[in-house]
């Protein structure tokens, strides 16, 4: 019997321009699926993410929002919510 639990995982690299990899890692860690991994790189400033291919679009969209240059000095907090419509 073959174990296919991780057959839909992908590894992506996300280059960060406006926040540090450590800040981004702390913000998205709670959004990873069980078994998902995120590693920070300091030179270059990037994250390596290994997670479900179904979950990666959500992770990428969160990273694009928090790595926005216009909000560089704004406080950041990403909160996982349950039973909230995505449009809220």
PDB file of N, CA and C in Angstrom:
ATOM      1  N   UNK A   1       0.845  -1.183   0.000  1.00  0.00           N
ATOM      2  CA  UNK A   1       0.000   0.000   0.000  1.00  0.00           C
ATOM      3  C   UNK A   1       0.887   1.242   0.000  1.00  0.00           C
ATOM      4  N   UNK A   2       0.600   2.165  -0.862  1.00  0.00           N
ATOM      5  CA  UNK A   2       1.390   3.384  -0.999  1.00  0.00           C
ATOM      6  C   UNK A   2       0.799   4.497  -0.152  1.00  0.00           C
ATOM      7  N   UNK A   3       1.674   5.283   0.486  1.00  0.00           N
ATOM      8  CA  UNK A   3       1.243   6.426   1.296  1.00  0.00           C
ATOM      9  C   UNK A   3       1.196   7.659   0.409  1.00  0.00           C
ATOM     10  N   UNK A   4      -0.006   8.144   0.075  1.00  0.00           N
ATOM     11  CA  UNK A   4      -0.176   9.293  -0.822  1.00  0.00           C
ATOM     12  C   UNK A   4      -0.547  10.572  -0.088  1.00  0.00           C
ATOM     13  N   UNK A   5      -0.375  10.628   1.229  1.00  0.00           N
ATOM     14  CA  UNK A   5      -0.791  11.802   1.988  1.00  0.00           C
ATOM     15  C   UNK A   5      -0.056  13.058   1.561  1.00  0.00           C
ATOM     16  N   UNK A   6       1.178  12.956   1.132  1.00  0.00           N
ATOM     17  CA  UNK A   6       1.972  14.131   0.802  1.00  0.00           C
ATOM     18  C   UNK A   6       2.198  14.279  -0.700  1.00  0.00           C
ATOM     19  N   UNK A   7       1.429  13.579  -1.511  1.00  0.00           N
ATOM     20  CA  UNK A   7       1.657  13.612  -2.950  1.00  0.00           C
ATOM     21  C   UNK A   7       1.244  14.947  -3.590  1.00  0.00           C
ATOM     22  N   UNK A   8       0.450  15.761  -2.907  1.00  0.00           N
ATOM     23  CA  UNK A   8       0.034  17.035  -3.490  1.00  0.00           C
ATOM     24  C   UNK A   8       0.754  18.215  -2.850  1.00  0.00           C
ATOM     25  N   UNK A   9       1.904  17.979  -2.254  1.00  0.00           N
ATOM     26  CA  UNK A   9       2.679  19.058  -1.646  1.00  0.00           C
ATOM     27  C   UNK A   9       3.560  19.732  -2.689  1.00  0.00           C
ATOM     28  N   UNK A  10       3.823  21.015  -2.453  1.00  0.00           N
ATOM     29  CA  UNK A  10       4.716  21.777  -3.326  1.00  0.00           C
ATOM     30  C   UNK A  10       5.685  22.569  -2.469  1.00  0.00           C
ATOM     31  N   UNK A  11       6.809  22.907  -3.058  1.00  0.00           N
ATOM     32  CA  UNK A  11       7.779  23.787  -2.409  1.00  0.00           C
ATOM     33  C   UNK A  11       7.862  25.057  -3.240  1.00  0.00           C
ATOM     34  N   UNK A  12       7.691  26.205  -2.581  1.00  0.00           N
ATOM     35  CA  UNK A  12       7.796  27.487  -3.269  1.00  0.00           C
ATOM     36  C   UNK A  12       8.736  28.403  -2.488  1.00  0.00           C
ATOM     37  N   UNK A  13       9.365  29.299  -3.208  1.00  0.00           N
ATOM     38  CA  UNK A  13      10.217  30.325  -2.606  1.00  0.00           C
ATOM     39  C   UNK A  13       9.517  31.657  -2.815  1.00  0.00           C
ATOM     40  N   UNK A  14       9.417  32.447  -1.752  1.00  0.00           N
ATOM     41  CA  UNK A  14       8.755  33.740  -1.837  1.00  0.00           C
ATOM     42  C   UNK A  14       9.755  34.798  -1.410  1.00  0.00           C
ATOM     43  N   UNK A  15      10.170  35.641  -2.352  1.00  0.00           N
ATOM     44  CA  UNK A  15      11.118  36.712  -2.061  1.00  0.00           C
ATOM     45  C   UNK A  15      10.378  37.877  -1.415  1.00  0.00           C
ATOM     46  N   UNK A  16      10.923  38.390  -0.318  1.00  0.00           N
ATOM     47  CA  UNK A  16      10.298  39.483   0.421  1.00  0.00           C
ATOM     48  C   UNK A  16      11.079  40.766   0.207  1.00  0.00           C
ATOM     49  N   UNK A  17      10.369  41.867   0.053  1.00  0.00           N
ATOM     50  CA  UNK A  17      11.018  43.147  -0.217  1.00  0.00           C
ATOM     51  C   UNK A  17      10.852  44.155   0.910  1.00  0.00           C
ATOM     52  N   UNK A  18       9.777  44.059   1.671  1.00  0.00           N
ATOM     53  CA  UNK A  18       9.444  45.121   2.608  1.00  0.00           C
ATOM     54  C   UNK A  18       9.380  44.701   4.072  1.00  0.00           C
ATOM     55  N   UNK A  19       9.354  43.420   4.336  1.00  0.00           N
ATOM     56  CA  UNK A  19       9.386  42.937   5.712  1.00  0.00           C
ATOM     57  C   UNK A  19      10.439  41.844   5.798  1.00  0.00           C
ATOM     58  N   UNK A  20      10.878  41.542   7.000  1.00  0.00           N
ATOM     59  CA  UNK A  20      11.882  40.508   7.161  1.00  0.00           C
ATOM     60  C   UNK A  20      11.227  39.133   7.077  1.00  0.00           C
ATOM     61  N   UNK A  21      12.030  38.153   6.734  1.00  0.00           N
ATOM     62  CA  UNK A  21      11.540  36.785   6.649  1.00  0.00           C
ATOM     63  C   UNK A  21      11.019  36.316   8.006  1.00  0.00           C
ATOM     64  N   UNK A  22      11.652  36.734   9.071  1.00  0.00           N
ATOM     65  CA  UNK A  22      11.207  36.338  10.414  1.00  0.00           C
ATOM     66  C   UNK A  22       9.807  36.871  10.708  1.00  0.00           C
ATOM     67  N   UNK A  23       9.551  38.147  10.352  1.00  0.00           N
ATOM     68  CA  UNK A  23       8.213  38.722  10.552  1.00  0.00           C
ATOM     69  C   UNK A  23       7.162  37.948   9.756  1.00  0.00           C
ATOM     70  N   UNK A  24       7.470  37.678   8.498  1.00  0.00           N
ATOM     71  CA  UNK A  24       6.526  36.970   7.639  1.00  0.00           C
ATOM     72  C   UNK A  24       6.283  35.552   8.145  1.00  0.00           C
ATOM     73  N   UNK A  25       7.346  34.872   8.559  1.00  0.00           N
ATOM     74  CA  UNK A  25       7.224  33.508   9.065  1.00  0.00           C
ATOM     75  C   UNK A  25       6.282  33.471  10.264  1.00  0.00           C
ATOM     76  N   UNK A  26       6.454  34.406  11.182  1.00  0.00           N
ATOM     77  CA  UNK A  26       5.591  34.437  12.364  1.00  0.00           C
ATOM     78  C   UNK A  26       4.134  34.719  12.012  1.00  0.00           C
ATOM     79  N   UNK A  27       3.900  35.477  10.948  1.00  0.00           N
ATOM     80  CA  UNK A  27       2.537  35.819  10.556  1.00  0.00           C
ATOM     81  C   UNK A  27       1.817  34.667   9.862  1.00  0.00           C
ATOM     82  N   UNK A  28       2.523  33.869   9.083  1.00  0.00           N
ATOM     83  CA  UNK A  28       1.824  32.847   8.283  1.00  0.00           C
ATOM     84  C   UNK A  28       1.876  31.439   8.867  1.00  0.00           C
ATOM     85  N   UNK A  29       2.688  31.229   9.867  1.00  0.00           N
ATOM     86  CA  UNK A  29       2.854  29.873  10.411  1.00  0.00           C
ATOM     87  C   UNK A  29       1.516  29.214  10.762  1.00  0.00           C
ATOM     88  N   UNK A  30       0.590  29.958  11.342  1.00  0.00           N
ATOM     89  CA  UNK A  30      -0.685  29.369  11.760  1.00  0.00           C
ATOM     90  C   UNK A  30      -1.604  29.031  10.582  1.00  0.00           C
ATOM     91  N   UNK A  31      -1.274  29.493   9.379  1.00  0.00           N
ATOM     92  CA  UNK A  31      -2.096  29.212   8.207  1.00  0.00           C
ATOM     93  C   UNK A  31      -1.638  27.974   7.437  1.00  0.00           C
ATOM     94  N   UNK A  32      -0.546  27.368   7.843  1.00  0.00           N
ATOM     95  CA  UNK A  32      -0.060  26.164   7.174  1.00  0.00           C
ATOM     96  C   UNK A  32      -0.922  24.970   7.540  1.00  0.00           C
ATOM     97  N   UNK A  33      -1.010  24.010   6.631  1.00  0.00           N
ATOM     98  CA  UNK A  33      -1.722  22.777   6.938  1.00  0.00           C
ATOM     99  C   UNK A  33      -0.866  21.921   7.854  1.00  0.00           C
ATOM    100  N   UNK A  34      -1.468  20.889   8.427  1.00  0.00           N
ATOM    101  CA  UNK A  34      -0.716  19.962   9.266  1.00  0.00           C
ATOM    102  C   UNK A  34       0.407  19.352   8.437  1.00  0.00           C
ATOM    103  N   UNK A  35       1.612  19.450   8.915  1.00  0.00           N
ATOM    104  CA  UNK A  35       2.766  18.945   8.171  1.00  0.00           C
ATOM    105  C   UNK A  35       3.409  19.982   7.273  1.00  0.00           C
ATOM    106  N   UNK A  36       2.804  21.153   7.124  1.00  0.00           N
ATOM    107  CA  UNK A  36       3.388  22.225   6.321  1.00  0.00           C
ATOM    108  C   UNK A  36       4.609  22.807   7.023  1.00  0.00           C
ATOM    109  N   UNK A  37       5.590  23.226   6.231  1.00  0.00           N
ATOM    110  CA  UNK A  37       6.844  23.734   6.777  1.00  0.00           C
ATOM    111  C   UNK A  37       7.163  25.072   6.121  1.00  0.00           C
ATOM    112  N   UNK A  38       7.673  25.999   6.930  1.00  0.00           N
ATOM    113  CA  UNK A  38       8.163  27.267   6.386  1.00  0.00           C
ATOM    114  C   UNK A  38       9.531  27.528   7.005  1.00  0.00           C
ATOM    115  N   UNK A  39      10.484  27.895   6.156  1.00  0.00           N
ATOM    116  CA  UNK A  39      11.842  28.206   6.593  1.00  0.00           C
ATOM    117  C   UNK A  39      12.202  29.604   6.130  1.00  0.00           C
ATOM    118  N   UNK A  40      12.924  30.328   6.960  1.00  0.00           N
ATOM    119  CA  UNK A  40      13.323  31.684   6.592  1.00  0.00           C
ATOM    120  C   UNK A  40      14.731  31.703   6.033  1.00  0.00           C
ATOM    121  N   UNK A  41      14.932  32.589   5.087  1.00  0.00           N
ATOM    122  CA  UNK A  41      16.257  32.858   4.554  1.00  0.00           C
ATOM    123  C   UNK A  41      16.557  34.325   4.760  1.00  0.00           C
ATOM    124  N   UNK A  42      17.729  34.618   5.252  1.00  0.00           N
ATOM    125  CA  UNK A  42      18.049  36.018   5.520  1.00  0.00           C
ATOM    126  C   UNK A  42      18.817  36.665   4.379  1.00  0.00           C
ATOM    127  N   UNK A  43      19.569  35.905   3.635  1.00  0.00           N
ATOM    128  CA  UNK A  43      20.310  36.431   2.489  1.00  0.00           C
ATOM    129  C   UNK A  43      20.157  35.470   1.334  1.00  0.00           C
ATOM    130  N   UNK A  44      19.254  35.671   0.461  1.00  0.00           N
ATOM    131  CA  UNK A  44      18.326  36.784   0.332  1.00  0.00           C
ATOM    132  C   UNK A  44      17.167  36.654   1.311  1.00  0.00           C
ATOM    133  N   UNK A  45      16.462  37.750   1.484  1.00  0.00           N
ATOM    134  CA  UNK A  45      15.318  37.821   2.385  1.00  0.00           C
ATOM    135  C   UNK A  45      14.145  37.086   1.732  1.00  0.00           C
ATOM    136  N   UNK A  46      13.923  35.828   2.158  1.00  0.00           N
ATOM    137  CA  UNK A  46      12.898  35.022   1.501  1.00  0.00           C
ATOM    138  C   UNK A  46      12.384  33.952   2.445  1.00  0.00           C
ATOM    139  N   UNK A  47      11.270  33.334   2.040  1.00  0.00           N
ATOM    140  CA  UNK A  47      10.717  32.183   2.734  1.00  0.00           C
ATOM    141  C   UNK A  47      10.687  31.010   1.775  1.00  0.00           C
ATOM    142  N   UNK A  48      10.974  29.827   2.301  1.00  0.00           N
ATOM    143  CA  UNK A  48      10.764  28.585   1.567  1.00  0.00           C
ATOM    144  C   UNK A  48       9.599  27.891   2.241  1.00  0.00           C
ATOM    145  N   UNK A  49       8.560  27.625   1.488  1.00  0.00           N
ATOM    146  CA  UNK A  49       7.340  27.056   2.039  1.00  0.00           C
ATOM    147  C   UNK A  49       7.068  25.721   1.363  1.00  0.00           C
ATOM    148  N   UNK A  50       6.842  24.715   2.183  1.00  0.00           N
ATOM    149  CA  UNK A  50       6.421  23.403   1.688  1.00  0.00           C
ATOM    150  C   UNK A  50       5.063  23.125   2.327  1.00  0.00           C
ATOM    151  N   UNK A  51       4.034  23.071   1.487  1.00  0.00           N
ATOM    152  CA  UNK A  51       2.685  22.878   2.000  1.00  0.00           C
ATOM    153  C   UNK A  51       1.823  22.268   0.907  1.00  0.00           C
ATOM    154  N   UNK A  52       0.585  22.029   1.238  1.00  0.00           N
ATOM    155  CA  UNK A  52      -0.378  21.478   0.294  1.00  0.00           C
ATOM    156  C   UNK A  52      -0.546  22.432  -0.891  1.00  0.00           C
ATOM    157  N   UNK A  53      -0.610  21.885  -2.078  1.00  0.00           N
ATOM    158  CA  UNK A  53      -0.791  22.737  -3.261  1.00  0.00           C
ATOM    159  C   UNK A  53      -2.133  23.456  -3.222  1.00  0.00           C
ATOM    160  N   UNK A  54      -3.100  22.922  -2.505  1.00  0.00           N
ATOM    161  CA  UNK A  54      -4.390  23.599  -2.358  1.00  0.00           C
ATOM    162  C   UNK A  54      -4.301  24.810  -1.433  1.00  0.00           C
ATOM    163  N   UNK A  55      -3.372  24.804  -0.494  1.00  0.00           N
ATOM    164  CA  UNK A  55      -3.247  25.872   0.497  1.00  0.00           C
ATOM    165  C   UNK A  55      -2.283  26.981   0.055  1.00  0.00           C
ATOM    166  N   UNK A  56      -1.399  26.696  -0.877  1.00  0.00           N
ATOM    167  CA  UNK A  56      -0.384  27.680  -1.264  1.00  0.00           C
ATOM    168  C   UNK A  56      -0.943  28.978  -1.850  1.00  0.00           C
ATOM    169  N   UNK A  57      -2.012  28.975  -2.631  1.00  0.00           N
ATOM    170  CA  UNK A  57      -2.545  30.265  -3.099  1.00  0.00           C
ATOM    171  C   UNK A  57      -2.949  31.183  -1.944  1.00  0.00           C
ATOM    172  N   UNK A  58      -3.531  30.626  -0.894  1.00  0.00           N
ATOM    173  CA  UNK A  58      -3.913  31.436   0.265  1.00  0.00           C
ATOM    174  C   UNK A  58      -2.670  31.989   0.954  1.00  0.00           C
ATOM    175  N   UNK A  59      -1.636  31.176   1.121  1.00  0.00           N
ATOM    176  CA  UNK A  59      -0.396  31.618   1.760  1.00  0.00           C
ATOM    177  C   UNK A  59       0.239  32.741   0.932  1.00  0.00           C
ATOM    178  N   UNK A  60       0.285  32.560  -0.384  1.00  0.00           N
ATOM    179  CA  UNK A  60       0.866  33.585  -1.252  1.00  0.00           C
ATOM    180  C   UNK A  60       0.102  34.898  -1.168  1.00  0.00           C
ATOM    181  N   UNK A  61      -1.232  34.831  -1.124  1.00  0.00           N
ATOM    182  CA  UNK A  61      -2.003  36.079  -1.061  1.00  0.00           C
ATOM    183  C   UNK A  61      -1.786  36.790   0.272  1.00  0.00           C
ATOM    184  N   UNK A  62      -1.639  36.050   1.365  1.00  0.00           N
ATOM    185  CA  UNK A  62      -1.344  36.665   2.659  1.00  0.00           C
ATOM    186  C   UNK A  62       0.021  37.339   2.612  1.00  0.00           C
ATOM    187  N   UNK A  63       1.006  36.666   2.045  1.00  0.00           N
ATOM    188  CA  UNK A  63       2.350  37.244   1.956  1.00  0.00           C
ATOM    189  C   UNK A  63       2.369  38.496   1.090  1.00  0.00           C
ATOM    190  N   UNK A  64       1.613  38.506   0.002  1.00  0.00           N
ATOM    191  CA  UNK A  64       1.559  39.695  -0.849  1.00  0.00           C
ATOM    192  C   UNK A  64       0.958  40.887  -0.103  1.00  0.00           C
ATOM    193  N   UNK A  65      -0.006  40.632   0.748  1.00  0.00           N
ATOM    194  CA  UNK A  65      -0.626  41.709   1.514  1.00  0.00           C
ATOM    195  C   UNK A  65       0.328  42.247   2.567  1.00  0.00           C
ATOM    196  N   UNK A  66       0.974  41.369   3.323  1.00  0.00           N
ATOM    197  CA  UNK A  66       1.823  41.855   4.417  1.00  0.00           C
ATOM    198  C   UNK A  66       3.175  42.374   3.927  1.00  0.00           C
ATOM    199  N   UNK A  67       3.547  42.063   2.683  1.00  0.00           N
ATOM    200  CA  UNK A  67       4.805  42.562   2.130  1.00  0.00           C
ATOM    201  C   UNK A  67       4.570  43.794   1.254  1.00  0.00           C
ATOM    202  N   UNK A  68       3.484  44.496   1.484  1.00  0.00           N
ATOM    203  CA  UNK A  68       3.099  45.671   0.719  1.00  0.00           C
ATOM    204  C   UNK A  68       3.967  46.867   1.119  1.00  0.00           C
ATOM    205  N   UNK A  69       4.627  47.558   0.162  1.00  0.00           N
ATOM    206  CA  UNK A  69       5.514  48.672   0.512  1.00  0.00           C
ATOM    207  C   UNK A  69       4.799  49.886   1.084  1.00  0.00           C
ATOM    208  N   UNK A  70       3.545  50.109   0.719  1.00  0.00           N
ATOM    209  CA  UNK A  70       2.820  51.264   1.217  1.00  0.00           C
ATOM    210  C   UNK A  70       2.471  51.171   2.688  1.00  0.00           C
ATOM    211  N   UNK A  71       2.585  49.985   3.231  1.00  0.00           N
ATOM    212  CA  UNK A  71       2.223  49.778   4.631  1.00  0.00           C
ATOM    213  C   UNK A  71       3.430  49.350   5.450  1.00  0.00           C
ATOM    214  N   UNK A  72       4.586  49.758   5.041  1.00  0.00           N
ATOM    215  CA  UNK A  72       5.830  49.329   5.673  1.00  0.00           C
ATOM    216  C   UNK A  72       5.859  49.606   7.176  1.00  0.00           C
ATOM    217  N   UNK A  73       5.399  50.752   7.606  1.00  0.00           N
ATOM    218  CA  UNK A  73       5.469  51.113   9.021  1.00  0.00           C
ATOM    219  C   UNK A  73       4.181  50.850   9.785  1.00  0.00           C
ATOM    220  N   UNK A  74       3.207  50.246   9.143  1.00  0.00           N
ATOM    221  CA  UNK A  74       1.960  49.921   9.834  1.00  0.00           C
ATOM    222  C   UNK A  74       2.170  48.699  10.705  1.00  0.00           C
ATOM    223  N   UNK A  75       1.515  48.621  11.847  1.00  0.00           N
ATOM    224  CA  UNK A  75       1.582  47.387  12.640  1.00  0.00           C
ATOM    225  C   UNK A  75       0.899  46.257  11.875  1.00  0.00           C
ATOM    226  N   UNK A  76       1.433  45.056  12.001  1.00  0.00           N
ATOM    227  CA  UNK A  76       0.882  43.917  11.278  1.00  0.00           C
ATOM    228  C   UNK A  76       0.452  42.842  12.255  1.00  0.00           C
ATOM    229  N   UNK A  77      -0.698  42.296  12.006  1.00  0.00           N
ATOM    230  CA  UNK A  77      -1.165  41.132  12.745  1.00  0.00           C
ATOM    231  C   UNK A  77      -2.097  40.361  11.834  1.00  0.00           C
ATOM    232  N   UNK A  78      -1.805  39.111  11.634  1.00  0.00           N
ATOM    233  CA  UNK A  78      -2.655  38.249  10.844  1.00  0.00           C
ATOM    234  C   UNK A  78      -3.285  37.273  11.822  1.00  0.00           C
ATOM    235  N   UNK A  79      -4.597  37.246  11.856  1.00  0.00           N
ATOM    236  CA  UNK A  79      -5.310  36.417  12.816  1.00  0.00           C
ATOM    237  C   UNK A  79      -6.111  35.347  12.088  1.00  0.00           C
ATOM    238  N   UNK A  80      -5.872  34.088  12.404  1.00  0.00           N
ATOM    239  CA  UNK A  80      -6.708  33.046  11.801  1.00  0.00           C
ATOM    240  C   UNK A  80      -8.118  33.128  12.390  1.00  0.00           C
ATOM    241  N   UNK A  81      -9.123  33.067  11.549  1.00  0.00           N
ATOM    242  CA  UNK A  81     -10.509  33.172  12.005  1.00  0.00           C
ATOM    243  C   UNK A  81     -11.271  31.910  11.613  1.00  0.00           C
ATOM    244  N   UNK A  82     -12.262  31.590  12.406  1.00  0.00           N
ATOM    245  CA  UNK A  82     -13.107  30.432  12.144  1.00  0.00           C
ATOM    246  C   UNK A  82     -14.533  30.933  11.946  1.00  0.00           C
ATOM    247  N   UNK A  83     -15.225  30.370  10.980  1.00  0.00           N
ATOM    248  CA  UNK A  83     -16.619  30.713  10.705  1.00  0.00           C
ATOM    249  C   UNK A  83     -16.808  32.175  10.304  1.00  0.00           C
ATOM    250  N   UNK A  84     -15.880  32.711   9.537  1.00  0.00           N
ATOM    251  CA  UNK A  84     -15.976  34.065   9.024  1.00  0.00           C
ATOM    252  C   UNK A  84     -15.923  33.991   7.508  1.00  0.00           C
ATOM    253  N   UNK A  85     -16.817  34.699   6.856  1.00  0.00           N
ATOM    254  CA  UNK A  85     -16.843  34.702   5.396  1.00  0.00           C
ATOM    255  C   UNK A  85     -15.528  35.307   4.873  1.00  0.00           C
ATOM    256  N   UNK A  86     -14.921  34.759   3.820  1.00  0.00           N
ATOM    257  CA  UNK A  86     -13.650  35.285   3.296  1.00  0.00           C
ATOM    258  C   UNK A  86     -13.737  36.734   2.842  1.00  0.00           C
ATOM    259  N   UNK A  87     -14.909  37.214   2.510  1.00  0.00           N
ATOM    260  CA  UNK A  87     -15.037  38.593   2.042  1.00  0.00           C
ATOM    261  C   UNK A  87     -15.062  39.617   3.167  1.00  0.00           C
ATOM    262  N   UNK A  88     -15.111  39.175   4.405  1.00  0.00           N
ATOM    263  CA  UNK A  88     -15.192  40.089   5.552  1.00  0.00           C
ATOM    264  C   UNK A  88     -13.833  40.596   5.943  1.00  0.00           C
TER     265      UNK A  88
END
